[in-house]
Amino acid sequence: MEARADFLHRPHLRLTIPHTLRSPLAAVGAASGLVGGIVLALPLLFWDWANGSHSALEYPMAVSGWLFGLNHFHQNGYVAWAIVVGALFLALYYVLNGLAFAAIADRVYRVRTLTGSLALGALWSFFSWMVFWYMLLPIARDGAPLRPTAAGLWVAPSWIWILGYTAFGLATGIAYWMLEHREAWASRRQPTGAAVAHS
């Protein structure tokens, strides 16, 4: 029994979490991606809400329709489970985008300024749009109902998607820069507070 206990306490058997998964960079990337995703969704939600032939929550519902079949999507109605499942898939998509953006910004280009974050965000918006529109969507149902197709079901016109993805990249870049520099802002404010306390 003692031999087994000794075997289990050997250093080579310790369960370790990879550094990238416990890194603050991963949290920054995930949060940046979610912020960018919310900004991406806003033009789509507003456009659908303003058009009587569309329902406001078509975007997440369309994701479920694209994944599981067009019968789960209603252009002028709501399917609760499809909206919830679609929103969860969108959140995962945004987080993965943010992680990739943060890794490129920190490890490849070593972005340290707001200008650099915005420039990379602009490039990221174009790259993300191309991957989403021309590589990801055609995998199933030719992109329906997320983009206009012969099926006649669609969430928004192409220009709304382009506007959304432009805002997505820029918002991801700004959120990344703000989250990366939050400690610097806190340290700048601290001496001011300390000086007020002493006076």
N, C-alpha and C. Protein backbone atom coordinates (compact mmCIF):
# COMPACT_ATOMS: atom_id res chain seq x y z
N MET A 1 0.82 -1.20 0.00
CA MET A 1 0.00 0.00 0.00
C MET A 1 0.87 1.26 0.00
N GLU A 2 1.97 1.24 0.77
CA GLU A 2 2.87 2.39 0.82
C GLU A 2 3.51 2.62 -0.54
N ALA A 3 3.84 1.53 -1.24
CA ALA A 3 4.45 1.66 -2.56
C ALA A 3 3.48 2.33 -3.53
N ARG A 4 2.19 1.99 -3.44
CA ARG A 4 1.20 2.61 -4.32
C ARG A 4 1.06 4.10 -4.00
N ALA A 5 1.03 4.43 -2.73
CA ALA A 5 0.91 5.84 -2.35
C ALA A 5 2.11 6.63 -2.85
N ASP A 6 3.31 6.03 -2.75
CA ASP A 6 4.51 6.70 -3.23
C ASP A 6 4.44 6.89 -4.75
N PHE A 7 3.90 5.89 -5.45
CA PHE A 7 3.79 5.97 -6.90
C PHE A 7 2.86 7.10 -7.32
N LEU A 8 1.74 7.26 -6.60
CA LEU A 8 0.77 8.29 -6.96
C LEU A 8 1.27 9.70 -6.69
N HIS A 9 2.25 9.86 -5.82
CA HIS A 9 2.76 11.19 -5.48
C HIS A 9 4.00 11.57 -6.28
N ARG A 10 4.32 10.80 -7.29
CA ARG A 10 5.49 11.14 -8.10
C ARG A 10 5.18 12.36 -8.97
N PRO A 11 6.18 13.22 -9.19
CA PRO A 11 5.95 14.47 -9.92
C PRO A 11 5.46 14.26 -11.35
N HIS A 12 5.88 13.19 -12.02
CA HIS A 12 5.50 13.02 -13.42
C HIS A 12 4.03 12.67 -13.59
N LEU A 13 3.33 12.37 -12.49
CA LEU A 13 1.92 12.04 -12.59
C LEU A 13 1.01 13.23 -12.27
N ARG A 14 1.57 14.39 -12.02
CA ARG A 14 0.75 15.55 -11.68
C ARG A 14 -0.02 16.02 -12.91
N LEU A 15 -1.30 16.32 -12.68
CA LEU A 15 -2.14 16.85 -13.75
C LEU A 15 -1.86 18.35 -13.85
N THR A 16 -1.38 18.78 -14.98
CA THR A 16 -1.08 20.20 -15.17
C THR A 16 -1.95 20.77 -16.27
N ILE A 17 -2.37 22.02 -16.07
CA ILE A 17 -3.17 22.72 -17.06
C ILE A 17 -2.22 23.48 -17.96
N PRO A 18 -2.36 23.35 -19.28
CA PRO A 18 -1.47 24.08 -20.17
C PRO A 18 -1.48 25.57 -19.86
N HIS A 19 -0.31 26.20 -20.02
CA HIS A 19 -0.16 27.61 -19.67
C HIS A 19 -1.13 28.50 -20.44
N THR A 20 -1.40 28.17 -21.69
CA THR A 20 -2.27 29.03 -22.49
C THR A 20 -3.70 29.03 -21.97
N LEU A 21 -4.14 27.91 -21.33
CA LEU A 21 -5.50 27.84 -20.84
C LEU A 21 -5.68 28.57 -19.52
N ARG A 22 -4.60 28.74 -18.74
CA ARG A 22 -4.74 29.46 -17.48
C ARG A 22 -4.14 30.85 -17.57
N SER A 23 -3.77 31.25 -18.76
CA SER A 23 -3.17 32.55 -18.98
C SER A 23 -4.23 33.64 -18.96
N PRO A 24 -3.88 34.83 -18.44
CA PRO A 24 -4.80 35.96 -18.54
C PRO A 24 -5.12 36.31 -19.99
N LEU A 25 -4.21 35.98 -20.90
CA LEU A 25 -4.45 36.26 -22.32
C LEU A 25 -5.68 35.53 -22.82
N ALA A 26 -5.91 34.31 -22.34
CA ALA A 26 -7.09 33.55 -22.76
C ALA A 26 -8.37 34.24 -22.29
N ALA A 27 -8.36 34.73 -21.06
CA ALA A 27 -9.54 35.45 -20.54
C ALA A 27 -9.77 36.74 -21.31
N VAL A 28 -8.68 37.45 -21.61
CA VAL A 28 -8.79 38.69 -22.39
C VAL A 28 -9.34 38.40 -23.78
N GLY A 29 -8.83 37.35 -24.41
CA GLY A 29 -9.30 36.98 -25.74
C GLY A 29 -10.76 36.58 -25.75
N ALA A 30 -11.17 35.76 -24.78
CA ALA A 30 -12.56 35.32 -24.72
C ALA A 30 -13.50 36.51 -24.50
N ALA A 31 -13.14 37.39 -23.57
CA ALA A 31 -13.97 38.57 -23.30
C ALA A 31 -14.02 39.50 -24.51
N SER A 32 -12.88 39.69 -25.18
CA SER A 32 -12.84 40.55 -26.36
C SER A 32 -13.73 40.00 -27.47
N GLY A 33 -13.67 38.69 -27.66
CA GLY A 33 -14.51 38.06 -28.68
C GLY A 33 -15.99 38.22 -28.38
N LEU A 34 -16.38 38.08 -27.11
CA LEU A 34 -17.79 38.25 -26.74
C LEU A 34 -18.25 39.69 -26.95
N VAL A 35 -17.40 40.65 -26.60
CA VAL A 35 -17.74 42.06 -26.83
C VAL A 35 -17.92 42.31 -28.33
N GLY A 36 -16.96 41.83 -29.12
CA GLY A 36 -17.07 41.98 -30.57
C GLY A 36 -18.31 41.31 -31.13
N GLY A 37 -18.65 40.14 -30.61
CA GLY A 37 -19.84 39.43 -31.07
C GLY A 37 -21.12 40.17 -30.78
N ILE A 38 -21.21 40.79 -29.61
CA ILE A 38 -22.39 41.59 -29.28
C ILE A 38 -22.53 42.76 -30.24
N VAL A 39 -21.41 43.41 -30.53
CA VAL A 39 -21.42 44.53 -31.47
C VAL A 39 -21.80 44.05 -32.87
N LEU A 40 -21.34 42.88 -33.27
CA LEU A 40 -21.72 42.30 -34.57
C LEU A 40 -23.22 42.04 -34.64
N ALA A 41 -23.79 41.55 -33.56
CA ALA A 41 -25.20 41.18 -33.57
C ALA A 41 -26.13 42.40 -33.60
N LEU A 42 -25.68 43.54 -33.10
CA LEU A 42 -26.58 44.69 -32.98
C LEU A 42 -27.17 45.16 -34.32
N PRO A 43 -26.36 45.37 -35.38
CA PRO A 43 -26.98 45.79 -36.65
C PRO A 43 -27.98 44.76 -37.19
N LEU A 44 -27.68 43.48 -36.99
CA LEU A 44 -28.60 42.43 -37.45
C LEU A 44 -29.91 42.46 -36.68
N LEU A 45 -29.80 42.61 -35.35
CA LEU A 45 -31.01 42.65 -34.52
C LEU A 45 -31.85 43.87 -34.83
N PHE A 46 -31.21 45.04 -34.97
CA PHE A 46 -31.95 46.26 -35.26
C PHE A 46 -32.62 46.21 -36.63
N TRP A 47 -31.90 45.68 -37.62
CA TRP A 47 -32.48 45.61 -38.96
C TRP A 47 -33.68 44.67 -38.97
N ASP A 48 -33.54 43.51 -38.34
CA ASP A 48 -34.66 42.55 -38.29
C ASP A 48 -35.84 43.12 -37.51
N TRP A 49 -35.55 43.82 -36.41
CA TRP A 49 -36.61 44.41 -35.60
C TRP A 49 -37.37 45.49 -36.37
N ALA A 50 -36.65 46.25 -37.21
CA ALA A 50 -37.27 47.36 -37.94
C ALA A 50 -38.05 46.89 -39.17
N ASN A 51 -37.88 45.65 -39.59
CA ASN A 51 -38.58 45.12 -40.75
C ASN A 51 -39.71 44.21 -40.32
N GLY A 52 -40.90 44.54 -40.74
CA GLY A 52 -42.08 43.80 -40.31
C GLY A 52 -42.10 42.35 -40.75
N SER A 53 -41.42 42.03 -41.84
CA SER A 53 -41.43 40.64 -42.32
C SER A 53 -40.36 39.77 -41.66
N HIS A 54 -39.64 40.35 -40.69
CA HIS A 54 -38.60 39.60 -39.98
C HIS A 54 -38.85 39.70 -38.48
N SER A 55 -38.39 38.69 -37.75
CA SER A 55 -38.48 38.74 -36.29
C SER A 55 -37.13 39.17 -35.72
N ALA A 56 -37.16 39.88 -34.60
CA ALA A 56 -35.96 40.51 -34.05
C ALA A 56 -34.87 39.50 -33.69
N LEU A 57 -35.24 38.31 -33.27
CA LEU A 57 -34.25 37.31 -32.83
C LEU A 57 -33.98 36.25 -33.90
N GLU A 58 -34.05 36.68 -35.15
CA GLU A 58 -33.77 35.74 -36.24
C GLU A 58 -32.34 35.23 -36.23
N TYR A 59 -31.40 36.09 -35.86
CA TYR A 59 -29.98 35.73 -35.97
C TYR A 59 -29.63 34.44 -35.22
N PRO A 60 -29.88 34.36 -33.90
CA PRO A 60 -29.56 33.09 -33.23
C PRO A 60 -30.42 31.92 -33.72
N MET A 61 -31.67 32.22 -34.07
CA MET A 61 -32.55 31.15 -34.57
C MET A 61 -32.04 30.63 -35.92
N ALA A 62 -31.48 31.53 -36.73
CA ALA A 62 -30.95 31.13 -38.03
C ALA A 62 -29.74 30.21 -37.89
N VAL A 63 -28.96 30.40 -36.83
CA VAL A 63 -27.82 29.52 -36.60
C VAL A 63 -28.31 28.08 -36.37
N SER A 64 -29.37 27.93 -35.57
CA SER A 64 -29.95 26.59 -35.37
C SER A 64 -30.53 26.04 -36.66
N GLY A 65 -31.15 26.91 -37.46
CA GLY A 65 -31.69 26.48 -38.75
C GLY A 65 -30.59 26.02 -39.70
N TRP A 66 -29.46 26.74 -39.68
CA TRP A 66 -28.34 26.36 -40.53
C TRP A 66 -27.73 25.03 -40.08
N LEU A 67 -27.67 24.82 -38.77
CA LEU A 67 -27.07 23.60 -38.24
C LEU A 67 -27.99 22.39 -38.34
N PHE A 68 -29.28 22.58 -38.01
CA PHE A 68 -30.17 21.43 -37.83
C PHE A 68 -31.29 21.32 -38.86
N GLY A 69 -31.44 22.29 -39.73
CA GLY A 69 -32.48 22.22 -40.76
C GLY A 69 -33.36 23.45 -40.78
N LEU A 70 -33.79 23.84 -41.98
CA LEU A 70 -34.57 25.08 -42.14
C LEU A 70 -35.93 25.01 -41.47
N ASN A 71 -36.41 23.83 -41.13
CA ASN A 71 -37.69 23.73 -40.44
C ASN A 71 -37.63 24.27 -39.02
N HIS A 72 -36.42 24.53 -38.52
CA HIS A 72 -36.27 25.10 -37.17
C HIS A 72 -36.14 26.63 -37.20
N PHE A 73 -36.32 27.21 -38.37
CA PHE A 73 -36.20 28.66 -38.53
C PHE A 73 -37.51 29.23 -39.05
N HIS A 74 -37.99 30.30 -38.40
CA HIS A 74 -39.19 31.00 -38.84
C HIS A 74 -38.85 32.47 -39.04
N GLN A 75 -39.02 32.94 -40.28
CA GLN A 75 -38.60 34.30 -40.59
C GLN A 75 -39.45 35.34 -39.87
N ASN A 76 -40.68 35.01 -39.57
CA ASN A 76 -41.54 35.97 -38.87
C ASN A 76 -42.18 35.31 -37.65
N GLY A 77 -41.35 34.67 -36.85
CA GLY A 77 -41.83 34.01 -35.65
C GLY A 77 -40.67 33.64 -34.75
N TYR A 78 -40.95 32.94 -33.67
CA TYR A 78 -39.91 32.60 -32.69
C TYR A 78 -40.01 31.14 -32.30
N VAL A 79 -38.85 30.47 -32.26
CA VAL A 79 -38.75 29.10 -31.75
C VAL A 79 -37.76 29.18 -30.58
N ALA A 80 -38.27 29.05 -29.36
CA ALA A 80 -37.47 29.33 -28.16
C ALA A 80 -36.19 28.50 -28.09
N TRP A 81 -36.31 27.18 -28.28
CA TRP A 81 -35.12 26.33 -28.14
C TRP A 81 -34.09 26.67 -29.21
N ALA A 82 -34.56 27.01 -30.42
CA ALA A 82 -33.63 27.34 -31.50
C ALA A 82 -32.89 28.64 -31.20
N ILE A 83 -33.55 29.58 -30.56
CA ILE A 83 -32.90 30.85 -30.19
C ILE A 83 -31.84 30.60 -29.13
N VAL A 84 -32.16 29.80 -28.11
CA VAL A 84 -31.21 29.53 -27.02
C VAL A 84 -30.00 28.75 -27.54
N VAL A 85 -30.25 27.69 -28.29
CA VAL A 85 -29.14 26.88 -28.82
C VAL A 85 -28.29 27.70 -29.79
N GLY A 86 -28.94 28.48 -30.64
CA GLY A 86 -28.20 29.34 -31.57
C GLY A 86 -27.35 30.37 -30.84
N ALA A 87 -27.89 30.95 -29.77
CA ALA A 87 -27.12 31.94 -28.99
C ALA A 87 -25.89 31.29 -28.35
N LEU A 88 -26.03 30.06 -27.87
CA LEU A 88 -24.89 29.35 -27.28
C LEU A 88 -23.80 29.07 -28.32
N PHE A 89 -24.21 28.64 -29.51
CA PHE A 89 -23.24 28.41 -30.59
C PHE A 89 -22.56 29.72 -31.01
N LEU A 90 -23.33 30.80 -31.04
CA LEU A 90 -22.74 32.10 -31.39
C LEU A 90 -21.73 32.53 -30.34
N ALA A 91 -22.06 32.34 -29.06
CA ALA A 91 -21.12 32.69 -27.99
C ALA A 91 -19.82 31.91 -28.13
N LEU A 92 -19.92 30.62 -28.43
CA LEU A 92 -18.73 29.80 -28.64
C LEU A 92 -17.92 30.30 -29.84
N TYR A 93 -18.60 30.64 -30.92
CA TYR A 93 -17.94 31.18 -32.12
C TYR A 93 -17.21 32.48 -31.80
N TYR A 94 -17.85 33.36 -31.04
CA TYR A 94 -17.23 34.64 -30.68
C TYR A 94 -16.02 34.43 -29.78
N VAL A 95 -16.14 33.52 -28.81
CA VAL A 95 -15.02 33.25 -27.90
C VAL A 95 -13.82 32.70 -28.68
N LEU A 96 -14.06 31.77 -29.59
CA LEU A 96 -12.97 31.22 -30.39
C LEU A 96 -12.32 32.29 -31.26
N ASN A 97 -13.14 33.18 -31.82
CA ASN A 97 -12.61 34.30 -32.59
C ASN A 97 -11.73 35.20 -31.73
N GLY A 98 -12.22 35.49 -30.52
CA GLY A 98 -11.46 36.34 -29.62
C GLY A 98 -10.15 35.71 -29.18
N LEU A 99 -10.16 34.40 -28.93
CA LEU A 99 -8.92 33.71 -28.55
C LEU A 99 -7.90 33.76 -29.68
N ALA A 100 -8.38 33.54 -30.91
CA ALA A 100 -7.48 33.61 -32.06
C ALA A 100 -6.93 35.02 -32.24
N PHE A 101 -7.79 36.02 -32.09
CA PHE A 101 -7.36 37.42 -32.23
C PHE A 101 -6.31 37.76 -31.18
N ALA A 102 -6.57 37.39 -29.92
CA ALA A 102 -5.63 37.69 -28.84
C ALA A 102 -4.29 37.00 -29.05
N ALA A 103 -4.32 35.76 -29.51
CA ALA A 103 -3.07 35.04 -29.75
C ALA A 103 -2.25 35.71 -30.84
N ILE A 104 -2.92 36.13 -31.91
CA ILE A 104 -2.21 36.81 -33.00
C ILE A 104 -1.69 38.17 -32.55
N ALA A 105 -2.53 38.91 -31.82
CA ALA A 105 -2.14 40.25 -31.37
C ALA A 105 -0.97 40.20 -30.40
N ASP A 106 -0.98 39.21 -29.51
CA ASP A 106 0.06 39.17 -28.47
C ASP A 106 1.30 38.42 -28.91
N ARG A 107 1.12 37.26 -29.54
CA ARG A 107 2.26 36.39 -29.84
C ARG A 107 2.90 36.66 -31.20
N VAL A 108 2.09 37.11 -32.17
CA VAL A 108 2.63 37.30 -33.53
C VAL A 108 3.03 38.76 -33.76
N TYR A 109 2.06 39.67 -33.59
CA TYR A 109 2.34 41.08 -33.91
C TYR A 109 2.74 41.92 -32.70
N ARG A 110 2.59 41.36 -31.50
CA ARG A 110 2.94 42.06 -30.25
C ARG A 110 2.34 43.47 -30.22
N VAL A 111 1.03 43.52 -30.40
CA VAL A 111 0.31 44.79 -30.41
C VAL A 111 0.29 45.37 -29.00
N ARG A 112 0.70 46.64 -28.87
CA ARG A 112 0.75 47.29 -27.56
C ARG A 112 0.02 48.63 -27.54
N THR A 113 -0.41 49.14 -28.70
CA THR A 113 -1.05 50.44 -28.76
C THR A 113 -2.49 50.32 -29.26
N LEU A 114 -3.29 51.35 -28.99
CA LEU A 114 -4.67 51.35 -29.47
C LEU A 114 -4.71 51.40 -31.00
N THR A 115 -3.79 52.16 -31.59
CA THR A 115 -3.73 52.22 -33.06
C THR A 115 -3.44 50.85 -33.66
N GLY A 116 -2.50 50.14 -33.05
CA GLY A 116 -2.18 48.79 -33.52
C GLY A 116 -3.36 47.85 -33.36
N SER A 117 -4.08 47.96 -32.24
CA SER A 117 -5.25 47.11 -32.01
C SER A 117 -6.35 47.39 -33.03
N LEU A 118 -6.55 48.68 -33.35
CA LEU A 118 -7.57 49.04 -34.34
C LEU A 118 -7.17 48.55 -35.73
N ALA A 119 -5.89 48.69 -36.07
CA ALA A 119 -5.42 48.23 -37.38
C ALA A 119 -5.59 46.72 -37.51
N LEU A 120 -5.19 46.00 -36.47
CA LEU A 120 -5.35 44.54 -36.50
C LEU A 120 -6.83 44.18 -36.50
N GLY A 121 -7.65 44.95 -35.75
CA GLY A 121 -9.09 44.71 -35.73
C GLY A 121 -9.72 44.88 -37.11
N ALA A 122 -9.25 45.90 -37.86
CA ALA A 122 -9.77 46.11 -39.21
C ALA A 122 -9.41 44.93 -40.12
N LEU A 123 -8.17 44.46 -40.02
CA LEU A 123 -7.77 43.29 -40.80
C LEU A 123 -8.55 42.06 -40.35
N TRP A 124 -8.76 41.94 -39.04
CA TRP A 124 -9.47 40.79 -38.49
C TRP A 124 -10.92 40.78 -38.96
N SER A 125 -11.54 41.95 -39.08
CA SER A 125 -12.93 42.00 -39.55
C SER A 125 -13.03 41.48 -40.98
N PHE A 126 -12.08 41.86 -41.83
CA PHE A 126 -12.09 41.39 -43.21
C PHE A 126 -11.83 39.88 -43.27
N PHE A 127 -10.84 39.42 -42.53
CA PHE A 127 -10.51 37.99 -42.51
C PHE A 127 -11.69 37.18 -41.98
N SER A 128 -12.29 37.63 -40.88
CA SER A 128 -13.42 36.90 -40.28
C SER A 128 -14.61 36.86 -41.23
N TRP A 129 -14.86 37.98 -41.91
CA TRP A 129 -15.96 38.03 -42.87
C TRP A 129 -15.75 37.03 -44.00
N MET A 130 -14.54 37.00 -44.55
CA MET A 130 -14.26 36.09 -45.66
C MET A 130 -14.40 34.63 -45.24
N VAL A 131 -13.89 34.30 -44.06
CA VAL A 131 -13.99 32.92 -43.57
C VAL A 131 -15.45 32.55 -43.32
N PHE A 132 -16.19 33.46 -42.67
CA PHE A 132 -17.59 33.19 -42.35
C PHE A 132 -18.44 33.09 -43.61
N TRP A 133 -18.34 34.05 -44.49
CA TRP A 133 -19.24 34.17 -45.64
C TRP A 133 -18.93 33.18 -46.76
N TYR A 134 -17.63 32.96 -47.01
CA TYR A 134 -17.25 32.18 -48.17
C TYR A 134 -16.72 30.78 -47.86
N MET A 135 -16.39 30.51 -46.59
CA MET A 135 -15.86 29.19 -46.25
C MET A 135 -16.77 28.42 -45.29
N LEU A 136 -17.28 29.12 -44.26
CA LEU A 136 -18.09 28.44 -43.25
C LEU A 136 -19.53 28.23 -43.70
N LEU A 137 -20.20 29.29 -44.15
CA LEU A 137 -21.62 29.19 -44.50
C LEU A 137 -21.90 28.19 -45.63
N PRO A 138 -21.10 28.13 -46.69
CA PRO A 138 -21.42 27.18 -47.77
C PRO A 138 -21.35 25.70 -47.37
N ILE A 139 -20.83 25.41 -46.18
CA ILE A 139 -20.74 24.01 -45.74
C ILE A 139 -22.11 23.36 -45.69
N ALA A 140 -23.12 24.11 -45.25
CA ALA A 140 -24.47 23.55 -45.12
C ALA A 140 -25.50 24.47 -45.76
N ARG A 141 -26.41 23.92 -46.53
CA ARG A 141 -27.57 24.62 -47.08
C ARG A 141 -27.22 25.89 -47.85
N ASP A 142 -26.01 25.95 -48.39
CA ASP A 142 -25.54 27.11 -49.16
C ASP A 142 -25.63 28.40 -48.34
N GLY A 143 -25.58 28.26 -47.03
CA GLY A 143 -25.60 29.44 -46.16
C GLY A 143 -26.96 29.85 -45.68
N ALA A 144 -28.03 29.24 -46.19
CA ALA A 144 -29.38 29.57 -45.73
C ALA A 144 -29.56 29.03 -44.32
N PRO A 145 -30.27 29.77 -43.47
CA PRO A 145 -30.97 31.04 -43.70
C PRO A 145 -30.15 32.27 -43.26
N LEU A 146 -28.86 32.12 -43.07
CA LEU A 146 -28.07 33.26 -42.61
C LEU A 146 -27.82 34.28 -43.72
N ARG A 147 -27.73 33.82 -44.95
CA ARG A 147 -27.55 34.76 -46.06
C ARG A 147 -28.58 34.48 -47.14
N PRO A 148 -28.88 35.46 -47.99
CA PRO A 148 -29.89 35.26 -49.03
C PRO A 148 -29.51 34.13 -50.00
N THR A 149 -30.44 33.20 -50.18
CA THR A 149 -30.21 32.07 -51.09
C THR A 149 -31.51 31.80 -51.85
N ALA A 150 -31.46 30.77 -52.69
CA ALA A 150 -32.65 30.39 -53.46
C ALA A 150 -33.78 29.91 -52.57
N ALA A 151 -33.46 29.50 -51.34
CA ALA A 151 -34.49 29.02 -50.42
C ALA A 151 -35.45 30.13 -50.01
N GLY A 152 -35.02 31.38 -50.16
CA GLY A 152 -35.90 32.51 -49.85
C GLY A 152 -35.93 32.90 -48.39
N LEU A 153 -35.22 32.19 -47.53
CA LEU A 153 -35.15 32.53 -46.10
C LEU A 153 -33.79 33.16 -45.81
N TRP A 154 -33.79 34.33 -45.19
CA TRP A 154 -32.53 35.00 -44.90
C TRP A 154 -32.72 35.97 -43.75
N VAL A 155 -31.63 36.26 -43.05
CA VAL A 155 -31.67 37.11 -41.87
C VAL A 155 -31.57 38.58 -42.23
N ALA A 156 -30.60 38.93 -43.06
CA ALA A 156 -30.36 40.33 -43.40
C ALA A 156 -29.62 40.41 -44.72
N PRO A 157 -29.70 41.56 -45.41
CA PRO A 157 -28.94 41.71 -46.65
C PRO A 157 -27.44 41.74 -46.39
N SER A 158 -26.68 41.54 -47.44
CA SER A 158 -25.22 41.43 -47.31
C SER A 158 -24.59 42.67 -46.69
N TRP A 159 -25.11 43.87 -47.01
CA TRP A 159 -24.48 45.09 -46.49
C TRP A 159 -24.60 45.20 -44.97
N ILE A 160 -25.66 44.64 -44.42
CA ILE A 160 -25.79 44.63 -42.95
C ILE A 160 -24.73 43.72 -42.35
N TRP A 161 -24.50 42.57 -42.97
CA TRP A 161 -23.46 41.65 -42.50
C TRP A 161 -22.08 42.30 -42.58
N ILE A 162 -21.82 43.01 -43.68
CA ILE A 162 -20.52 43.68 -43.83
C ILE A 162 -20.34 44.74 -42.76
N LEU A 163 -21.40 45.52 -42.51
CA LEU A 163 -21.36 46.52 -41.44
C LEU A 163 -21.10 45.85 -40.10
N GLY A 164 -21.80 44.75 -39.83
CA GLY A 164 -21.64 44.04 -38.56
C GLY A 164 -20.24 43.49 -38.38
N TYR A 165 -19.68 42.90 -39.43
CA TYR A 165 -18.34 42.33 -39.31
C TYR A 165 -17.26 43.40 -39.22
N THR A 166 -17.49 44.55 -39.85
CA THR A 166 -16.54 45.67 -39.69
C THR A 166 -16.52 46.11 -38.23
N ALA A 167 -17.72 46.30 -37.66
CA ALA A 167 -17.82 46.69 -36.25
C ALA A 167 -17.26 45.60 -35.34
N PHE A 168 -17.45 44.34 -35.73
CA PHE A 168 -16.97 43.21 -34.94
C PHE A 168 -15.45 43.25 -34.76
N GLY A 169 -14.72 43.43 -35.86
CA GLY A 169 -13.26 43.46 -35.78
C GLY A 169 -12.75 44.64 -34.98
N LEU A 170 -13.34 45.83 -35.23
CA LEU A 170 -12.89 47.03 -34.51
C LEU A 170 -13.21 46.93 -33.03
N ALA A 171 -14.40 46.44 -32.70
CA ALA A 171 -14.78 46.30 -31.28
C ALA A 171 -13.91 45.27 -30.57
N THR A 172 -13.58 44.18 -31.26
CA THR A 172 -12.69 43.17 -30.68
C THR A 172 -11.32 43.78 -30.40
N GLY A 173 -10.81 44.57 -31.35
CA GLY A 173 -9.52 45.23 -31.16
C GLY A 173 -9.52 46.20 -29.99
N ILE A 174 -10.57 47.02 -29.90
CA ILE A 174 -10.66 47.99 -28.80
C ILE A 174 -10.79 47.27 -27.46
N ALA A 175 -11.65 46.24 -27.41
CA ALA A 175 -11.83 45.49 -26.16
C ALA A 175 -10.54 44.81 -25.74
N TYR A 176 -9.82 44.25 -26.70
CA TYR A 176 -8.54 43.61 -26.39
C TYR A 176 -7.57 44.62 -25.78
N TRP A 177 -7.45 45.78 -26.40
CA TRP A 177 -6.50 46.79 -25.91
C TRP A 177 -6.91 47.27 -24.52
N MET A 178 -8.19 47.51 -24.31
CA MET A 178 -8.66 48.00 -23.00
C MET A 178 -8.42 46.96 -21.90
N LEU A 179 -8.72 45.70 -22.20
CA LEU A 179 -8.53 44.65 -21.19
C LEU A 179 -7.06 44.38 -20.92
N GLU A 180 -6.22 44.49 -21.94
CA GLU A 180 -4.78 44.29 -21.75
C GLU A 180 -4.16 45.40 -20.90
N HIS A 181 -4.76 46.59 -20.95
CA HIS A 181 -4.18 47.74 -20.24
C HIS A 181 -4.96 48.11 -18.98
N ARG A 182 -5.89 47.26 -18.54
CA ARG A 182 -6.67 47.61 -17.36
C ARG A 182 -5.81 47.74 -16.11
N GLU A 183 -4.74 46.92 -16.01
CA GLU A 183 -3.86 47.02 -14.84
C GLU A 183 -3.08 48.32 -14.84
N ALA A 184 -2.68 48.77 -16.03
CA ALA A 184 -1.96 50.05 -16.13
C ALA A 184 -2.86 51.20 -15.71
N TRP A 185 -4.14 51.15 -16.09
CA TRP A 185 -5.07 52.19 -15.70
C TRP A 185 -5.28 52.18 -14.19
N ALA A 186 -5.38 50.98 -13.61
CA ALA A 186 -5.58 50.87 -12.16
C ALA A 186 -4.38 51.44 -11.41
N SER A 187 -3.16 51.16 -11.91
CA SER A 187 -1.97 51.67 -11.23
C SER A 187 -1.85 53.19 -11.38
N ARG A 188 -2.36 53.75 -12.46
CA ARG A 188 -2.34 55.21 -12.64
C ARG A 188 -3.29 55.89 -11.68
N ARG A 189 -4.42 55.25 -11.42
CA ARG A 189 -5.42 55.84 -10.53
C ARG A 189 -5.04 55.71 -9.06
N GLN A 190 -4.29 54.67 -8.73
CA GLN A 190 -3.98 54.40 -7.33
C GLN A 190 -3.19 55.51 -6.65
N PRO A 191 -2.11 56.04 -7.25
CA PRO A 191 -1.38 57.11 -6.57
C PRO A 191 -2.22 58.33 -6.33
N THR A 192 -3.17 58.64 -7.26
CA THR A 192 -4.05 59.79 -7.09
C THR A 192 -4.93 59.59 -5.86
N GLY A 193 -5.50 58.39 -5.74
CA GLY A 193 -6.33 58.08 -4.58
C GLY A 193 -5.53 58.13 -3.30
N ALA A 194 -4.28 57.62 -3.35
CA ALA A 194 -3.44 57.63 -2.15
C ALA A 194 -3.10 59.06 -1.75
N ALA A 195 -2.84 59.92 -2.75
CA ALA A 195 -2.51 61.31 -2.44
C ALA A 195 -3.69 62.02 -1.81
N VAL A 196 -4.91 61.74 -2.29
CA VAL A 196 -6.09 62.36 -1.71
C VAL A 196 -6.28 61.88 -0.27
N ALA A 197 -6.02 60.58 -0.03
CA ALA A 197 -6.17 60.02 1.31
C ALA A 197 -5.19 60.68 2.29
N HIS A 198 -3.94 60.95 1.84
CA HIS A 198 -2.94 61.53 2.73
C HIS A 198 -3.24 63.00 3.00
N SER A 199 -3.81 63.69 2.02
CA SER A 199 -4.11 65.10 2.21
C SER A 199 -5.36 65.25 3.07
